[in-house]
């Protein structure tokens, strides 16, 4: 397993993985992934046997990004890394890839906390349990995507400079 920064040549595979993960993540065009390449703090992929198995997109503070969830964290915290999305291919789930991506992020982040949201509607109980096991705590809930989703806003303090 190799964790590495994204390359432009990965974007088609990333888009395909993202679409397979609906409704747990929202559908976005490849052009949005290109924008993430420019503004993200971390945009990582996982390769297994030369195949893209997962990806992680993280935004730090101070970005211009049209997301209700990112805006919530921006309004409440000065130092954070916001996990916009993490997707693991179905055939690679259960192999601790998500845990390894989060461990990489937490080790390399310069921020005081990692933040994310997890769907409550439509329900994603596996993701809630996963994030709780990593030490994330819910700090709020809110409507997202014009009421299509209800999310748990979660934070894990990294004890960096606190």
C-alpha atoms as a PDB file:
ATOM      1  CA  UNK A   1       0.000   0.000   0.000  1.00  0.00           C
ATOM      2  CA  UNK A   2       1.328   3.407  -1.022  1.00  0.00           C
ATOM      3  CA  UNK A   3       0.008   6.758   0.258  1.00  0.00           C
ATOM      4  CA  UNK A   4       1.033   9.591  -2.041  1.00  0.00           C
ATOM      5  CA  UNK A   5      -0.070  13.030  -3.244  1.00  0.00           C
ATOM      6  CA  UNK A   6      -2.604  13.101  -6.053  1.00  0.00           C
ATOM      7  CA  UNK A   7      -1.514  13.462  -9.674  1.00  0.00           C
ATOM      8  CA  UNK A   8      -3.618  14.911 -12.463  1.00  0.00           C
ATOM      9  CA  UNK A   9      -3.673  11.471 -14.097  1.00  0.00           C
ATOM     10  CA  UNK A  10      -5.530  10.126 -11.000  1.00  0.00           C
ATOM     11  CA  UNK A  11      -8.567  12.374 -11.427  1.00  0.00           C
ATOM     12  CA  UNK A  12     -10.632  10.100 -13.651  1.00  0.00           C
ATOM     13  CA  UNK A  13     -10.240   7.200 -11.196  1.00  0.00           C
ATOM     14  CA  UNK A  14     -10.961   9.508  -8.262  1.00  0.00           C
ATOM     15  CA  UNK A  15     -14.138  10.747  -9.935  1.00  0.00           C
ATOM     16  CA  UNK A  16     -15.246   7.155 -10.527  1.00  0.00           C
ATOM     17  CA  UNK A  17     -14.553   6.178  -6.891  1.00  0.00           C
ATOM     18  CA  UNK A  18     -16.433   9.252  -5.699  1.00  0.00           C
ATOM     19  CA  UNK A  19     -19.500   8.389  -7.790  1.00  0.00           C
ATOM     20  CA  UNK A  20     -19.506   4.831  -6.407  1.00  0.00           C
ATOM     21  CA  UNK A  21     -19.645   6.265  -2.862  1.00  0.00           C
ATOM     22  CA  UNK A  22     -22.919   8.183  -3.328  1.00  0.00           C
ATOM     23  CA  UNK A  23     -24.925   9.181  -1.261  1.00  0.00           C
ATOM     24  CA  UNK A  24     -22.270   9.228   1.478  1.00  0.00           C
ATOM     25  CA  UNK A  25     -20.435  11.911  -0.502  1.00  0.00           C
ATOM     26  CA  UNK A  26     -21.923  14.311  -3.004  1.00  0.00           C
ATOM     27  CA  UNK A  27     -21.423  14.026  -6.745  1.00  0.00           C
ATOM     28  CA  UNK A  28     -19.006  16.572  -8.189  1.00  0.00           C
ATOM     29  CA  UNK A  29     -17.438  17.037 -11.623  1.00  0.00           C
ATOM     30  CA  UNK A  30     -13.768  16.376 -12.368  1.00  0.00           C
ATOM     31  CA  UNK A  31     -13.234  20.149 -12.543  1.00  0.00           C
ATOM     32  CA  UNK A  32     -13.957  20.335  -8.794  1.00  0.00           C
ATOM     33  CA  UNK A  33     -11.248  17.753  -8.157  1.00  0.00           C
ATOM     34  CA  UNK A  34      -8.889  19.902 -10.226  1.00  0.00           C
ATOM     35  CA  UNK A  35      -9.792  22.866  -7.981  1.00  0.00           C
ATOM     36  CA  UNK A  36      -9.108  20.728  -4.898  1.00  0.00           C
ATOM     37  CA  UNK A  37      -5.621  20.091  -6.273  1.00  0.00           C
ATOM     38  CA  UNK A  38      -5.016  23.859  -6.032  1.00  0.00           C
ATOM     39  CA  UNK A  39      -6.637  24.676  -2.669  1.00  0.00           C
ATOM     40  CA  UNK A  40      -6.324  21.551  -0.524  1.00  0.00           C
ATOM     41  CA  UNK A  41      -3.865  21.138   2.326  1.00  0.00           C
ATOM     42  CA  UNK A  42      -3.811  17.403   1.644  1.00  0.00           C
ATOM     43  CA  UNK A  43      -5.092  15.561  -1.415  1.00  0.00           C
ATOM     44  CA  UNK A  44      -3.829  12.027  -0.998  1.00  0.00           C
ATOM     45  CA  UNK A  45      -4.432   8.769  -2.813  1.00  0.00           C
ATOM     46  CA  UNK A  46      -3.789   5.192  -1.801  1.00  0.00           C
ATOM     47  CA  UNK A  47      -2.443   2.747  -4.354  1.00  0.00           C
ATOM     48  CA  UNK A  48      -2.646  -1.006  -3.932  1.00  0.00           C
ATOM     49  CA  UNK A  49      -1.013  -3.099  -6.651  1.00  0.00           C
ATOM     50  CA  UNK A  50      -0.845  -0.004  -8.913  1.00  0.00           C
ATOM     51  CA  UNK A  51      -4.610   0.524  -8.561  1.00  0.00           C
ATOM     52  CA  UNK A  52      -6.215   3.569  -6.941  1.00  0.00           C
ATOM     53  CA  UNK A  53      -7.942   2.208  -3.820  1.00  0.00           C
ATOM     54  CA  UNK A  54      -8.817   5.379  -1.877  1.00  0.00           C
ATOM     55  CA  UNK A  55      -8.465   9.133  -1.651  1.00  0.00           C
ATOM     56  CA  UNK A  56      -8.614  11.873   0.985  1.00  0.00           C
ATOM     57  CA  UNK A  57      -9.216  15.610   0.463  1.00  0.00           C
ATOM     58  CA  UNK A  58      -8.479  18.068   3.298  1.00  0.00           C
ATOM     59  CA  UNK A  59      -8.829  21.861   3.421  1.00  0.00           C
ATOM     60  CA  UNK A  60      -7.138  24.089   5.959  1.00  0.00           C
ATOM     61  CA  UNK A  61      -8.483  27.393   7.293  1.00  0.00           C
ATOM     62  CA  UNK A  62      -8.912  30.527   5.208  1.00  0.00           C
ATOM     63  CA  UNK A  63     -10.003  28.921   1.946  1.00  0.00           C
ATOM     64  CA  UNK A  64     -12.776  30.195  -0.298  1.00  0.00           C
ATOM     65  CA  UNK A  65     -14.937  27.100  -0.440  1.00  0.00           C
ATOM     66  CA  UNK A  66     -18.714  26.958  -0.821  1.00  0.00           C
ATOM     67  CA  UNK A  67     -19.644  24.316   1.740  1.00  0.00           C
ATOM     68  CA  UNK A  68     -21.992  24.833   4.693  1.00  0.00           C
ATOM     69  CA  UNK A  69     -19.954  22.389   6.719  1.00  0.00           C
ATOM     70  CA  UNK A  70     -16.605  24.057   5.962  1.00  0.00           C
ATOM     71  CA  UNK A  71     -18.178  27.442   6.800  1.00  0.00           C
ATOM     72  CA  UNK A  72     -19.334  26.079  10.172  1.00  0.00           C
ATOM     73  CA  UNK A  73     -15.799  25.040  11.122  1.00  0.00           C
ATOM     74  CA  UNK A  74     -14.365  28.308   9.769  1.00  0.00           C
ATOM     75  CA  UNK A  75     -16.760  30.266  11.981  1.00  0.00           C
ATOM     76  CA  UNK A  76     -15.940  28.255  15.109  1.00  0.00           C
ATOM     77  CA  UNK A  77     -12.211  27.438  14.836  1.00  0.00           C
ATOM     78  CA  UNK A  78      -9.093  29.258  13.693  1.00  0.00           C
ATOM     79  CA  UNK A  79      -6.865  26.197  13.405  1.00  0.00           C
ATOM     80  CA  UNK A  80      -8.341  23.132  11.696  1.00  0.00           C
ATOM     81  CA  UNK A  81      -7.947  20.695   8.857  1.00  0.00           C
ATOM     82  CA  UNK A  82     -11.354  19.928   7.359  1.00  0.00           C
ATOM     83  CA  UNK A  83     -11.808  16.499   5.798  1.00  0.00           C
ATOM     84  CA  UNK A  84     -14.013  17.259   2.828  1.00  0.00           C
ATOM     85  CA  UNK A  85     -14.175  13.644   1.782  1.00  0.00           C
ATOM     86  CA  UNK A  86     -12.521  10.297   2.237  1.00  0.00           C
ATOM     87  CA  UNK A  87     -13.478   7.463  -0.081  1.00  0.00           C
ATOM     88  CA  UNK A  88     -12.257   3.859  -0.008  1.00  0.00           C
ATOM     89  CA  UNK A  89     -13.171   1.552  -2.882  1.00  0.00           C
ATOM     90  CA  UNK A  90     -15.703  -1.039  -1.775  1.00  0.00           C
ATOM     91  CA  UNK A  91     -13.371  -3.939  -2.522  1.00  0.00           C
ATOM     92  CA  UNK A  92     -10.726  -2.404  -0.234  1.00  0.00           C
ATOM     93  CA  UNK A  93     -12.946  -1.579   2.716  1.00  0.00           C
ATOM     94  CA  UNK A  94     -12.129  -3.298   5.985  1.00  0.00           C
ATOM     95  CA  UNK A  95      -8.371  -3.120   5.332  1.00  0.00           C
ATOM     96  CA  UNK A  96      -7.758  -0.134   7.668  1.00  0.00           C
ATOM     97  CA  UNK A  97      -7.025   2.177   4.719  1.00  0.00           C
ATOM     98  CA  UNK A  98      -9.197   4.953   6.141  1.00  0.00           C
ATOM     99  CA  UNK A  99      -7.432   4.666   9.502  1.00  0.00           C
ATOM    100  CA  UNK A 100      -4.041   4.882   7.786  1.00  0.00           C
ATOM    101  CA  UNK A 101      -5.079   7.987   5.833  1.00  0.00           C
ATOM    102  CA  UNK A 102      -6.285   9.666   9.019  1.00  0.00           C
ATOM    103  CA  UNK A 103      -3.078   8.668  10.841  1.00  0.00           C
ATOM    104  CA  UNK A 104      -1.057  10.246   8.026  1.00  0.00           C
ATOM    105  CA  UNK A 105      -3.151  13.422   8.225  1.00  0.00           C
ATOM    106  CA  UNK A 106      -2.897  13.678  12.010  1.00  0.00           C
ATOM    107  CA  UNK A 107       0.860  13.132  11.918  1.00  0.00           C
ATOM    108  CA  UNK A 108       1.473  15.734   9.188  1.00  0.00           C
ATOM    109  CA  UNK A 109      -1.142  18.367  10.062  1.00  0.00           C
ATOM    110  CA  UNK A 110       0.105  21.692  11.397  1.00  0.00           C
ATOM    111  CA  UNK A 111      -3.377  22.525  12.712  1.00  0.00           C
ATOM    112  CA  UNK A 112      -4.835  22.050  16.211  1.00  0.00           C
ATOM    113  CA  UNK A 113      -7.719  19.820  15.179  1.00  0.00           C
ATOM    114  CA  UNK A 114      -9.174  17.711  12.396  1.00  0.00           C
ATOM    115  CA  UNK A 115     -12.822  18.303  11.522  1.00  0.00           C
ATOM    116  CA  UNK A 116     -15.349  16.470   9.381  1.00  0.00           C
ATOM    117  CA  UNK A 117     -19.026  15.818   8.907  1.00  0.00           C
ATOM    118  CA  UNK A 118     -20.785  12.485   8.701  1.00  0.00           C
ATOM    119  CA  UNK A 119     -24.263  11.927   7.309  1.00  0.00           C
ATOM    120  CA  UNK A 120     -27.037  11.186   9.756  1.00  0.00           C
ATOM    121  CA  UNK A 121     -29.605  11.482   6.924  1.00  0.00           C
ATOM    122  CA  UNK A 122     -29.117   9.499   4.805  1.00  0.00           C
ATOM    123  CA  UNK A 123     -27.642   7.401   7.603  1.00  0.00           C
ATOM    124  CA  UNK A 124     -23.997   6.375   7.572  1.00  0.00           C
ATOM    125  CA  UNK A 125     -23.623   4.514  10.887  1.00  0.00           C
ATOM    126  CA  UNK A 126     -20.371   2.845   9.844  1.00  0.00           C
ATOM    127  CA  UNK A 127     -18.729   6.225   9.360  1.00  0.00           C
ATOM    128  CA  UNK A 128     -20.024   7.530  12.704  1.00  0.00           C
ATOM    129  CA  UNK A 129     -18.563   4.483  14.486  1.00  0.00           C
ATOM    130  CA  UNK A 130     -15.290   4.780  12.544  1.00  0.00           C
ATOM    131  CA  UNK A 131     -14.830   8.445  13.475  1.00  0.00           C
ATOM    132  CA  UNK A 132     -15.784   7.856  17.115  1.00  0.00           C
ATOM    133  CA  UNK A 133     -13.155   5.091  17.359  1.00  0.00           C
ATOM    134  CA  UNK A 134     -10.584   7.599  16.057  1.00  0.00           C
ATOM    135  CA  UNK A 135     -11.530   9.991  18.871  1.00  0.00           C
ATOM    136  CA  UNK A 136     -13.837  12.381  17.017  1.00  0.00           C
ATOM    137  CA  UNK A 137     -16.589  14.037  19.068  1.00  0.00           C
ATOM    138  CA  UNK A 138     -19.775  15.587  17.741  1.00  0.00           C
ATOM    139  CA  UNK A 139     -19.890  19.361  18.283  1.00  0.00           C
ATOM    140  CA  UNK A 140     -23.091  20.154  16.346  1.00  0.00           C
ATOM    141  CA  UNK A 141     -25.572  18.930  13.756  1.00  0.00           C
ATOM    142  CA  UNK A 142     -26.909  20.815  10.770  1.00  0.00           C
ATOM    143  CA  UNK A 143     -28.835  20.583   7.530  1.00  0.00           C
ATOM    144  CA  UNK A 144     -26.778  20.286   4.364  1.00  0.00           C
ATOM    145  CA  UNK A 145     -27.348  20.384   0.615  1.00  0.00           C
ATOM    146  CA  UNK A 146     -30.615  22.306   0.906  1.00  0.00           C
ATOM    147  CA  UNK A 147     -32.135  19.855   3.379  1.00  0.00           C
ATOM    148  CA  UNK A 148     -31.245  16.686   1.463  1.00  0.00           C
ATOM    149  CA  UNK A 149     -28.816  15.741   4.206  1.00  0.00           C
ATOM    150  CA  UNK A 150     -28.539  16.100   7.972  1.00  0.00           C
ATOM    151  CA  UNK A 151     -24.968  15.844   9.248  1.00  0.00           C
ATOM    152  CA  UNK A 152     -23.022  15.375  12.453  1.00  0.00           C
ATOM    153  CA  UNK A 153     -20.177  17.912  12.657  1.00  0.00           C
ATOM    154  CA  UNK A 154     -17.238  16.209  14.352  1.00  0.00           C
ATOM    155  CA  UNK A 155     -13.885  17.350  15.772  1.00  0.00           C
ATOM    156  CA  UNK A 156     -10.751  15.595  16.969  1.00  0.00           C
ATOM    157  CA  UNK A 157      -8.304  17.790  18.878  1.00  0.00           C
ATOM    158  CA  UNK A 158      -4.685  17.043  18.048  1.00  0.00           C
ATOM    159  CA  UNK A 159      -3.235  18.735  21.149  1.00  0.00           C
ATOM    160  CA  UNK A 160      -0.894  20.803  18.993  1.00  0.00           C
ATOM    161  CA  UNK A 161      -0.419  24.161  20.642  1.00  0.00           C
ATOM    162  CA  UNK A 162      -3.489  23.804  22.857  1.00  0.00           C
END
